[in-house]
Each structure stands twice: as C-alpha cells, then as structure tokens.
Amino acid sequence: MPALFTAFSVAALTLALPQAVIETSHGAIVVELDEAAAPLSVANFIVHAQAGHFDDGSFYRSVRDDNEREGVVPMNLIQGGHSFDGLAEAEGIAHESTLDTDLSHTRGAISMARDEPGTATTEFFIMIADYPGLDAGPDGRNPDEAGYAVFGEVIEGMDVVERIWMSPTSLDSAPDDFPYPQFLTEPVVIETVRIRNAD
C-alpha cells in the first residue's frame, strides 16, 4: 500500500505542474514549467503569457553548426519571444542560476535569454541538444560565468522545435549589428501561449 500511495503522489505532483502550450504556425510545443526549481522564471513566463505578450511574437533565431561563429563549440537552439530586444516596458527578473536550480541546458530545456544577469523579460530559447556551456560556472560560454536560467522542458512537440530549427536563416534577416546568419528568413509566428495547471 505505501508503494502505491507514493506512486500516486508522484503522479499527482507531476500533473499539477504548470504547462505552457506554445501554438505556432508550425504546430504546438508543450513545455512543462518547473516552478519548484525556478519559481521566478516560471512566474514571469506565466504572467507574460496570460497578458498576451507572446501573442503574435515569433521564433526568429536558429543556431546550428552551419551558422555558429568560428572558434566555439556550436550550440544548437531556437530563440523566440516578443522581440530580439525583449518587451521594452517589462522589468527584468532576478537571475536563477543553474547552480541553484540544479537544472541544465539539455535537449528540450527552455531557458531565459538575457543580456546582463537580471535583465531577462520575454525572450527565451529551447535547446536542440545538450549544451552544458550555457550553464553557470567557469567553463560556461558567457564571460560573466552566470549562465542562463533553465525553467522547464519540452514534453511534446520536439518535432516542431526541430522543424523551426532547420528553417532557412540569413545574414540579411539579422539586426544591423548582428554579424552571424542566425536569424530566420521567415520567422515562425507564435500565435498564442496558453497556460495549463497554473494556480
């Protein structure tokens, strides 16, 4: 009986985790949001989703081996949200380091994009493959060693993520000061983001 009760409790806890359904022009991506490990990032994402700030946004950037800058181990991911610069009127949230959350940039992880730590607002990225160089620590890709804040993982729709990732990119699509051809020739529209199981 105790074993059955424990299994039931774990299943109930899993069902209670909030989920984000990211509806795109290429299909739906379902993300489970780890509010226990990264409560600030999850709360921020939910607030912006419920306010409609992601609606008519896009996935606009795809980083692959063929368009990564020279001299670094390629990271494979797609980036999206409100815009490349984030929502201008939004306040940045406190950075939740992977050293504190015990999460990592593994395949399917969703993480907050940022400039300086504490500036993340509406921009996020989804990992195509494991890339621990985006975690916090001295071996990380970012010189500040703070890494990026993982706050969940894709549980459905990785085929949609990969389809977006393989979309054509060009330097002509990038902002004027961005020197790598990582921006999608035709951004993939985020039609809406729906939240399930939230309090």
Foldseek 3Di string as FASTA:
>chain_A
DVVVVVVVVVVVVQVLFKWKWFQWPLGTWIWGFACVLPVFVVVLQVVCQVVFLQAQKFFWFFWDPVWDDPDDDTFTKIKIWNDPQADPPFFFAAFRACVRSVDFQAAFWKWFDADPGRRTHTMIMGGRGGDRLQHADPSHPDPVSRGIGTTIGTPDDVVSRVVQNPADWQPVSDPPPDDIRGTHPDTITRNGMDMPSDD
